[in-house]
């Protein structure tokens, strides 16, 4: 997986480099060439890097704003992770508790118990039907009593 990500990043980088030096197909002569655009971008970046030396107050205000936004984003991410963790960590091996949670909107406890009883009855009926189908398919019934002892014939 790491190889694919690395490949995608390298591919994007080299395609960007190639696209800078490729000639344009349009007949417009008014726009800058790709190399002129690259030089202008470098000048813009160098000008932005000198911004803090020219206006230190604006730079400090921007740093504080970004720090505040980062802290808020961190808090929001923490709340989101806690919510997801609380939803995913609700694991129980007891089928009755799973059914009870699924039918939590039932206002009466008796109604919830009736739902549980009905589901148990349906599950038991399904098990009995599966055993009956298996007996019909195999055509034999095992009537031997298994006591756990081993005998030689």
N, C-alpha and C. Protein backbone atom coordinates (compact mmCIF):
# COMPACT_ATOMS: atom_id res chain seq x y z
N UNK A 1 0.82 -1.18 0.00
CA UNK A 1 0.00 0.00 0.00
C UNK A 1 0.87 1.26 0.00
N UNK A 2 1.94 1.24 0.81
CA UNK A 2 2.84 2.38 0.87
C UNK A 2 3.47 2.63 -0.49
N UNK A 3 3.77 1.54 -1.21
CA UNK A 3 4.38 1.66 -2.53
C UNK A 3 3.46 2.43 -3.47
N UNK A 4 2.15 2.14 -3.42
CA UNK A 4 1.21 2.81 -4.31
C UNK A 4 1.10 4.30 -4.00
N UNK A 5 1.12 4.65 -2.74
CA UNK A 5 1.05 6.06 -2.37
C UNK A 5 2.31 6.78 -2.84
N UNK A 6 3.45 6.15 -2.61
CA UNK A 6 4.72 6.75 -3.05
C UNK A 6 4.75 6.91 -4.57
N UNK A 7 4.26 5.89 -5.28
CA UNK A 7 4.20 5.96 -6.73
C UNK A 7 3.29 7.10 -7.18
N UNK A 8 2.14 7.26 -6.55
CA UNK A 8 1.20 8.31 -6.94
C UNK A 8 1.81 9.70 -6.72
N UNK A 9 2.52 9.87 -5.62
CA UNK A 9 3.15 11.17 -5.35
C UNK A 9 4.23 11.47 -6.38
N UNK A 10 5.07 10.48 -6.67
CA UNK A 10 6.12 10.68 -7.67
C UNK A 10 5.52 10.95 -9.05
N UNK A 11 4.47 10.21 -9.38
CA UNK A 11 3.82 10.39 -10.68
C UNK A 11 3.27 11.81 -10.81
N UNK A 12 2.59 12.29 -9.79
CA UNK A 12 2.05 13.66 -9.83
C UNK A 12 3.16 14.69 -9.95
N UNK A 13 4.25 14.49 -9.23
CA UNK A 13 5.36 15.44 -9.29
C UNK A 13 5.92 15.51 -10.70
N UNK A 14 6.23 14.35 -11.28
CA UNK A 14 6.85 14.36 -12.60
C UNK A 14 5.89 14.84 -13.69
N UNK A 15 4.60 14.55 -13.57
CA UNK A 15 3.64 15.06 -14.54
C UNK A 15 3.53 16.58 -14.45
N UNK A 16 3.65 17.12 -13.24
CA UNK A 16 3.64 18.58 -13.08
C UNK A 16 4.86 19.19 -13.74
N UNK A 17 6.02 18.57 -13.53
CA UNK A 17 7.26 19.08 -14.14
C UNK A 17 7.15 19.02 -15.66
N UNK A 18 6.66 17.92 -16.19
CA UNK A 18 6.53 17.78 -17.64
C UNK A 18 5.53 18.79 -18.18
N UNK A 19 4.42 19.00 -17.48
CA UNK A 19 3.40 19.93 -17.99
C UNK A 19 3.88 21.37 -17.99
N UNK A 20 4.83 21.71 -17.13
CA UNK A 20 5.37 23.07 -17.12
C UNK A 20 6.14 23.35 -18.40
N UNK A 21 6.88 22.39 -18.88
CA UNK A 21 7.74 22.61 -20.04
C UNK A 21 7.09 22.24 -21.37
N UNK A 22 5.87 21.72 -21.34
CA UNK A 22 5.18 21.39 -22.59
C UNK A 22 4.63 22.66 -23.23
N UNK A 23 4.71 22.77 -24.54
CA UNK A 23 4.15 23.96 -25.20
C UNK A 23 2.62 23.91 -25.16
N UNK A 24 2.02 25.07 -25.17
CA UNK A 24 0.57 25.19 -25.13
C UNK A 24 0.00 24.95 -26.52
N UNK A 25 -1.15 24.30 -26.61
CA UNK A 25 -1.80 24.04 -27.89
C UNK A 25 -2.67 25.20 -28.33
N UNK A 26 -3.05 26.05 -27.41
CA UNK A 26 -3.92 27.17 -27.78
C UNK A 26 -3.11 28.25 -28.51
N UNK A 27 -3.80 29.02 -29.33
CA UNK A 27 -3.15 30.07 -30.11
C UNK A 27 -3.12 31.41 -29.37
N UNK A 28 -3.49 31.41 -28.11
CA UNK A 28 -3.50 32.66 -27.35
C UNK A 28 -2.07 33.08 -27.04
N UNK A 29 -1.73 34.29 -27.40
CA UNK A 29 -0.39 34.80 -27.15
C UNK A 29 -0.37 35.75 -25.95
N UNK A 30 -1.57 36.05 -25.38
CA UNK A 30 -1.65 37.03 -24.31
C UNK A 30 -1.19 36.49 -22.96
N UNK A 31 -1.27 35.19 -22.73
CA UNK A 31 -0.93 34.61 -21.43
C UNK A 31 0.55 34.37 -21.29
N UNK A 32 1.02 34.27 -20.07
CA UNK A 32 2.45 34.01 -19.86
C UNK A 32 2.81 32.57 -20.21
N UNK A 33 4.04 32.36 -20.54
CA UNK A 33 4.51 31.01 -20.83
C UNK A 33 4.61 30.24 -19.51
N UNK A 34 4.69 28.93 -19.56
CA UNK A 34 4.79 28.15 -18.32
C UNK A 34 6.01 28.52 -17.48
N UNK A 35 7.11 28.83 -18.13
CA UNK A 35 8.32 29.19 -17.38
C UNK A 35 8.14 30.55 -16.71
N UNK A 36 7.50 31.49 -17.41
CA UNK A 36 7.22 32.79 -16.80
C UNK A 36 6.27 32.63 -15.60
N UNK A 37 5.29 31.73 -15.72
CA UNK A 37 4.37 31.48 -14.61
C UNK A 37 5.12 30.88 -13.42
N UNK A 38 6.08 29.99 -13.68
CA UNK A 38 6.88 29.39 -12.61
C UNK A 38 7.72 30.45 -11.91
N UNK A 39 8.32 31.35 -12.68
CA UNK A 39 9.13 32.42 -12.09
C UNK A 39 8.24 33.36 -11.26
N UNK A 40 7.04 33.65 -11.76
CA UNK A 40 6.12 34.51 -11.02
C UNK A 40 5.68 33.84 -9.72
N UNK A 41 5.47 32.53 -9.76
CA UNK A 41 5.10 31.81 -8.54
C UNK A 41 6.23 31.84 -7.53
N UNK A 42 7.48 31.70 -7.99
CA UNK A 42 8.63 31.78 -7.08
C UNK A 42 8.73 33.17 -6.46
N UNK A 43 8.51 34.21 -7.26
CA UNK A 43 8.54 35.58 -6.73
C UNK A 43 7.44 35.79 -5.69
N UNK A 44 6.27 35.24 -5.95
CA UNK A 44 5.16 35.38 -5.00
C UNK A 44 5.49 34.68 -3.68
N UNK A 45 6.07 33.49 -3.76
CA UNK A 45 6.43 32.75 -2.55
C UNK A 45 7.50 33.50 -1.77
N UNK A 46 8.49 34.04 -2.45
CA UNK A 46 9.54 34.79 -1.74
C UNK A 46 8.97 36.06 -1.13
N UNK A 47 8.02 36.70 -1.81
CA UNK A 47 7.38 37.89 -1.25
C UNK A 47 6.56 37.54 -0.01
N UNK A 48 5.86 36.41 -0.05
CA UNK A 48 5.09 35.99 1.11
C UNK A 48 5.98 35.61 2.29
N UNK A 49 7.16 35.08 2.00
CA UNK A 49 8.07 34.73 3.10
C UNK A 49 8.62 35.97 3.78
N UNK A 50 8.69 37.10 3.08
CA UNK A 50 9.15 38.36 3.68
C UNK A 50 8.01 39.13 4.34
N UNK A 51 6.80 38.62 4.28
CA UNK A 51 5.64 39.32 4.82
C UNK A 51 5.78 39.56 6.32
N UNK A 52 6.29 38.56 7.05
CA UNK A 52 6.40 38.68 8.51
C UNK A 52 7.44 39.72 8.91
N UNK A 53 8.44 39.96 8.08
CA UNK A 53 9.43 40.98 8.41
C UNK A 53 8.88 42.38 8.15
N UNK A 54 8.00 42.50 7.14
CA UNK A 54 7.41 43.80 6.83
C UNK A 54 6.31 44.18 7.81
N UNK A 55 5.44 43.21 8.14
CA UNK A 55 4.30 43.50 9.03
C UNK A 55 4.24 42.44 10.12
N UNK A 56 5.05 42.60 11.17
CA UNK A 56 5.08 41.58 12.22
C UNK A 56 3.77 41.47 12.99
N UNK A 57 3.03 42.55 13.15
CA UNK A 57 1.76 42.50 13.89
C UNK A 57 0.74 41.63 13.15
N UNK A 58 0.65 41.80 11.85
CA UNK A 58 -0.28 40.98 11.06
C UNK A 58 0.13 39.52 11.08
N UNK A 59 1.43 39.28 11.07
CA UNK A 59 1.93 37.91 11.11
C UNK A 59 1.59 37.25 12.45
N UNK A 60 1.74 37.97 13.55
CA UNK A 60 1.41 37.43 14.87
C UNK A 60 -0.09 37.15 14.99
N UNK A 61 -0.90 38.05 14.45
CA UNK A 61 -2.35 37.85 14.48
C UNK A 61 -2.72 36.61 13.66
N UNK A 62 -2.10 36.44 12.52
CA UNK A 62 -2.35 35.26 11.70
C UNK A 62 -1.94 33.98 12.39
N UNK A 63 -0.78 34.01 13.07
CA UNK A 63 -0.33 32.82 13.80
C UNK A 63 -1.32 32.47 14.90
N UNK A 64 -1.80 33.49 15.63
CA UNK A 64 -2.77 33.24 16.70
C UNK A 64 -4.07 32.68 16.14
N UNK A 65 -4.51 33.21 15.01
CA UNK A 65 -5.75 32.72 14.40
C UNK A 65 -5.60 31.27 13.95
N UNK A 66 -4.46 30.95 13.32
CA UNK A 66 -4.24 29.57 12.90
C UNK A 66 -4.10 28.63 14.09
N UNK A 67 -3.46 29.10 15.17
CA UNK A 67 -3.34 28.27 16.37
C UNK A 67 -4.71 28.00 16.98
N UNK A 68 -5.56 29.03 17.01
CA UNK A 68 -6.91 28.87 17.54
C UNK A 68 -7.72 27.91 16.67
N UNK A 69 -7.61 28.08 15.36
CA UNK A 69 -8.33 27.18 14.45
C UNK A 69 -7.82 25.75 14.59
N UNK A 70 -6.52 25.59 14.76
CA UNK A 70 -5.96 24.25 14.94
C UNK A 70 -6.43 23.61 16.23
N UNK A 71 -6.50 24.41 17.30
CA UNK A 71 -6.98 23.88 18.58
C UNK A 71 -8.44 23.46 18.48
N UNK A 72 -9.24 24.29 17.81
CA UNK A 72 -10.66 23.94 17.64
C UNK A 72 -10.82 22.69 16.77
N UNK A 73 -10.02 22.59 15.74
CA UNK A 73 -10.08 21.39 14.88
C UNK A 73 -9.67 20.16 15.67
N UNK A 74 -8.66 20.31 16.53
CA UNK A 74 -8.24 19.18 17.36
C UNK A 74 -9.33 18.76 18.33
N UNK A 75 -10.01 19.75 18.94
CA UNK A 75 -11.10 19.43 19.85
C UNK A 75 -12.25 18.75 19.11
N UNK A 76 -12.57 19.24 17.93
CA UNK A 76 -13.65 18.63 17.14
C UNK A 76 -13.28 17.21 16.74
N UNK A 77 -12.03 17.00 16.36
CA UNK A 77 -11.59 15.65 16.00
C UNK A 77 -11.64 14.73 17.21
N UNK A 78 -11.25 15.24 18.38
CA UNK A 78 -11.29 14.43 19.60
C UNK A 78 -12.72 14.01 19.92
N UNK A 79 -13.65 14.95 19.83
CA UNK A 79 -15.06 14.63 20.09
C UNK A 79 -15.56 13.60 19.08
N UNK A 80 -15.19 13.78 17.82
CA UNK A 80 -15.60 12.83 16.80
C UNK A 80 -15.04 11.44 17.04
N UNK A 81 -13.75 11.37 17.39
CA UNK A 81 -13.14 10.07 17.68
C UNK A 81 -13.78 9.42 18.90
N UNK A 82 -14.08 10.21 19.93
CA UNK A 82 -14.72 9.65 21.12
C UNK A 82 -16.11 9.12 20.79
N UNK A 83 -16.84 9.84 19.96
CA UNK A 83 -18.17 9.38 19.57
C UNK A 83 -18.09 8.07 18.78
N UNK A 84 -17.19 8.03 17.81
CA UNK A 84 -17.04 6.81 17.01
C UNK A 84 -16.58 5.66 17.89
N UNK A 85 -15.65 5.93 18.80
CA UNK A 85 -15.17 4.88 19.70
C UNK A 85 -16.30 4.38 20.59
N UNK A 86 -17.14 5.28 21.09
CA UNK A 86 -18.24 4.84 21.95
C UNK A 86 -19.25 4.02 21.16
N UNK A 87 -19.44 4.33 19.89
CA UNK A 87 -20.38 3.56 19.08
C UNK A 87 -19.81 2.19 18.71
N UNK A 88 -18.51 2.13 18.44
CA UNK A 88 -17.91 0.87 18.02
C UNK A 88 -17.55 -0.03 19.20
N UNK A 89 -17.41 0.55 20.39
CA UNK A 89 -17.00 -0.27 21.53
C UNK A 89 -18.17 -0.90 22.25
N UNK A 90 -19.38 -0.66 21.80
CA UNK A 90 -20.54 -1.28 22.43
C UNK A 90 -20.67 -2.72 21.94
N UNK A 91 -19.82 -3.57 22.48
CA UNK A 91 -19.82 -4.97 22.09
C UNK A 91 -20.37 -5.79 23.25
N UNK A 92 -21.23 -6.71 22.94
CA UNK A 92 -21.79 -7.59 23.96
C UNK A 92 -22.01 -8.95 23.34
N UNK A 93 -21.68 -9.98 24.08
CA UNK A 93 -21.87 -11.34 23.59
C UNK A 93 -23.29 -11.82 23.85
N UNK A 94 -24.04 -11.10 24.65
CA UNK A 94 -25.38 -11.50 25.02
C UNK A 94 -26.37 -11.07 23.94
N UNK A 95 -27.00 -12.03 23.24
CA UNK A 95 -27.94 -11.66 22.18
C UNK A 95 -29.14 -10.88 22.70
N UNK A 96 -29.53 -11.15 23.95
CA UNK A 96 -30.67 -10.43 24.50
C UNK A 96 -30.39 -8.94 24.63
N UNK A 97 -29.15 -8.58 25.01
CA UNK A 97 -28.84 -7.16 25.13
C UNK A 97 -28.78 -6.50 23.75
N UNK A 98 -28.34 -7.23 22.74
CA UNK A 98 -28.33 -6.69 21.38
C UNK A 98 -29.76 -6.42 20.91
N UNK A 99 -30.64 -7.37 21.17
CA UNK A 99 -32.04 -7.20 20.78
C UNK A 99 -32.68 -6.06 21.56
N UNK A 100 -32.34 -5.97 22.85
CA UNK A 100 -32.91 -4.90 23.67
C UNK A 100 -32.45 -3.54 23.17
N UNK A 101 -31.17 -3.42 22.77
CA UNK A 101 -30.68 -2.15 22.23
C UNK A 101 -31.35 -1.83 20.91
N UNK A 102 -31.59 -2.85 20.10
CA UNK A 102 -32.21 -2.61 18.80
C UNK A 102 -33.66 -2.14 18.96
N UNK A 103 -34.29 -2.58 20.02
CA UNK A 103 -35.68 -2.20 20.27
C UNK A 103 -35.77 -1.26 21.47
N UNK A 104 -34.82 -0.37 21.60
CA UNK A 104 -34.78 0.55 22.74
C UNK A 104 -35.93 1.54 22.70
N UNK A 105 -36.53 1.73 21.54
CA UNK A 105 -37.62 2.68 21.46
C UNK A 105 -38.92 2.14 22.04
N UNK A 106 -38.95 0.85 22.36
CA UNK A 106 -40.14 0.28 22.98
C UNK A 106 -40.27 0.86 24.39
N UNK A 107 -41.39 1.49 24.66
CA UNK A 107 -41.52 2.22 25.92
C UNK A 107 -41.79 1.29 27.10
N UNK A 108 -42.44 0.19 26.89
CA UNK A 108 -42.81 -0.71 27.97
C UNK A 108 -41.82 -1.86 28.07
N UNK A 109 -41.40 -2.19 29.28
CA UNK A 109 -40.47 -3.31 29.47
C UNK A 109 -41.14 -4.62 29.09
N UNK A 110 -42.43 -4.74 29.35
CA UNK A 110 -43.16 -5.95 28.97
C UNK A 110 -43.16 -6.15 27.47
N UNK A 111 -43.24 -5.05 26.74
CA UNK A 111 -43.20 -5.13 25.28
C UNK A 111 -41.83 -5.63 24.81
N UNK A 112 -40.77 -5.16 25.46
CA UNK A 112 -39.42 -5.61 25.12
C UNK A 112 -39.26 -7.09 25.43
N UNK A 113 -39.78 -7.52 26.57
CA UNK A 113 -39.71 -8.93 26.94
C UNK A 113 -40.50 -9.78 25.96
N UNK A 114 -41.62 -9.28 25.48
CA UNK A 114 -42.42 -10.02 24.50
C UNK A 114 -41.66 -10.17 23.19
N UNK A 115 -40.94 -9.13 22.80
CA UNK A 115 -40.13 -9.20 21.58
C UNK A 115 -39.03 -10.23 21.75
N UNK A 116 -38.37 -10.22 22.91
CA UNK A 116 -37.31 -11.20 23.17
C UNK A 116 -37.86 -12.62 23.12
N UNK A 117 -39.00 -12.84 23.75
CA UNK A 117 -39.59 -14.18 23.77
C UNK A 117 -39.96 -14.63 22.36
N UNK A 118 -40.51 -13.72 21.57
CA UNK A 118 -40.89 -14.07 20.19
C UNK A 118 -39.65 -14.42 19.36
N UNK A 119 -38.56 -13.65 19.53
CA UNK A 119 -37.34 -13.95 18.79
C UNK A 119 -36.73 -15.27 19.23
N UNK A 120 -36.76 -15.56 20.54
CA UNK A 120 -36.27 -16.87 21.00
C UNK A 120 -37.08 -18.00 20.40
N UNK A 121 -38.41 -17.83 20.38
CA UNK A 121 -39.29 -18.85 19.83
C UNK A 121 -39.00 -19.07 18.34
N UNK A 122 -38.80 -17.98 17.61
CA UNK A 122 -38.50 -18.10 16.18
C UNK A 122 -37.16 -18.80 15.96
N UNK A 123 -36.16 -18.48 16.78
CA UNK A 123 -34.85 -19.12 16.63
C UNK A 123 -34.94 -20.61 16.94
N UNK A 124 -35.67 -20.97 18.00
CA UNK A 124 -35.83 -22.38 18.36
C UNK A 124 -36.56 -23.13 17.26
N UNK A 125 -37.60 -22.52 16.70
CA UNK A 125 -38.36 -23.16 15.61
C UNK A 125 -37.46 -23.37 14.39
N UNK A 126 -36.59 -22.41 14.10
CA UNK A 126 -35.67 -22.54 12.96
C UNK A 126 -34.67 -23.67 13.20
N UNK A 127 -34.18 -23.80 14.41
CA UNK A 127 -33.25 -24.89 14.73
C UNK A 127 -33.93 -26.24 14.57
N UNK A 128 -35.16 -26.36 15.07
CA UNK A 128 -35.89 -27.63 14.96
C UNK A 128 -36.14 -27.96 13.49
N UNK A 129 -36.52 -26.98 12.70
CA UNK A 129 -36.75 -27.21 11.27
C UNK A 129 -35.46 -27.61 10.55
N UNK A 130 -34.32 -27.01 10.93
CA UNK A 130 -33.05 -27.36 10.30
C UNK A 130 -32.67 -28.80 10.62
N UNK A 131 -32.89 -29.24 11.86
CA UNK A 131 -32.59 -30.63 12.23
C UNK A 131 -33.50 -31.57 11.46
N UNK A 132 -34.77 -31.24 11.33
CA UNK A 132 -35.70 -32.09 10.58
C UNK A 132 -35.30 -32.18 9.11
N UNK A 133 -34.89 -31.06 8.51
CA UNK A 133 -34.45 -31.09 7.11
C UNK A 133 -33.20 -31.96 6.95
N UNK A 134 -32.28 -31.86 7.90
CA UNK A 134 -31.06 -32.66 7.81
C UNK A 134 -31.38 -34.15 7.92
N UNK A 135 -32.31 -34.51 8.78
CA UNK A 135 -32.70 -35.92 8.91
C UNK A 135 -33.35 -36.42 7.63
N UNK A 136 -34.18 -35.59 7.02
CA UNK A 136 -34.84 -35.99 5.77
C UNK A 136 -33.82 -36.15 4.65
N UNK A 137 -32.82 -35.27 4.59
CA UNK A 137 -31.82 -35.34 3.53
C UNK A 137 -30.92 -36.56 3.68
N UNK A 138 -30.52 -36.88 4.88
CA UNK A 138 -29.62 -38.01 5.07
C UNK A 138 -30.37 -39.32 5.04
N UNK A 139 -31.66 -39.32 5.39
CA UNK A 139 -32.45 -40.54 5.33
C UNK A 139 -32.19 -41.49 6.48
N UNK A 140 -31.48 -41.08 7.47
CA UNK A 140 -31.23 -41.96 8.60
C UNK A 140 -31.35 -41.16 9.89
N UNK A 141 -31.65 -41.88 10.92
CA UNK A 141 -31.77 -41.27 12.23
C UNK A 141 -30.78 -41.95 13.15
N UNK A 142 -30.00 -41.19 13.85
CA UNK A 142 -29.01 -41.74 14.77
C UNK A 142 -29.71 -42.00 16.10
N UNK A 143 -29.98 -43.27 16.39
CA UNK A 143 -30.70 -43.62 17.62
C UNK A 143 -29.78 -44.13 18.70
N UNK A 144 -28.49 -44.20 18.44
CA UNK A 144 -27.55 -44.70 19.44
C UNK A 144 -27.40 -43.68 20.55
N UNK A 145 -27.30 -44.18 21.74
CA UNK A 145 -27.06 -43.30 22.88
C UNK A 145 -25.56 -43.13 23.02
N UNK A 146 -25.10 -41.93 23.03
CA UNK A 146 -23.69 -41.64 23.16
C UNK A 146 -23.38 -41.38 24.63
N UNK A 147 -22.60 -42.27 25.21
CA UNK A 147 -22.26 -42.10 26.62
C UNK A 147 -20.85 -41.58 26.80
N UNK A 148 -20.09 -41.58 25.77
CA UNK A 148 -18.72 -41.11 25.86
C UNK A 148 -17.73 -42.24 26.03
N UNK A 149 -18.19 -43.45 26.15
CA UNK A 149 -17.27 -44.58 26.29
C UNK A 149 -16.95 -45.14 24.91
N UNK A 150 -15.78 -45.72 24.80
CA UNK A 150 -15.32 -46.29 23.54
C UNK A 150 -15.31 -47.81 23.69
N UNK A 151 -15.91 -48.50 22.71
CA UNK A 151 -15.93 -49.96 22.74
C UNK A 151 -15.34 -50.48 21.45
N UNK A 152 -14.70 -51.66 21.57
CA UNK A 152 -14.16 -52.31 20.38
C UNK A 152 -15.16 -53.32 19.88
N UNK A 153 -15.34 -53.39 18.57
CA UNK A 153 -16.24 -54.38 17.97
C UNK A 153 -15.46 -55.54 17.44
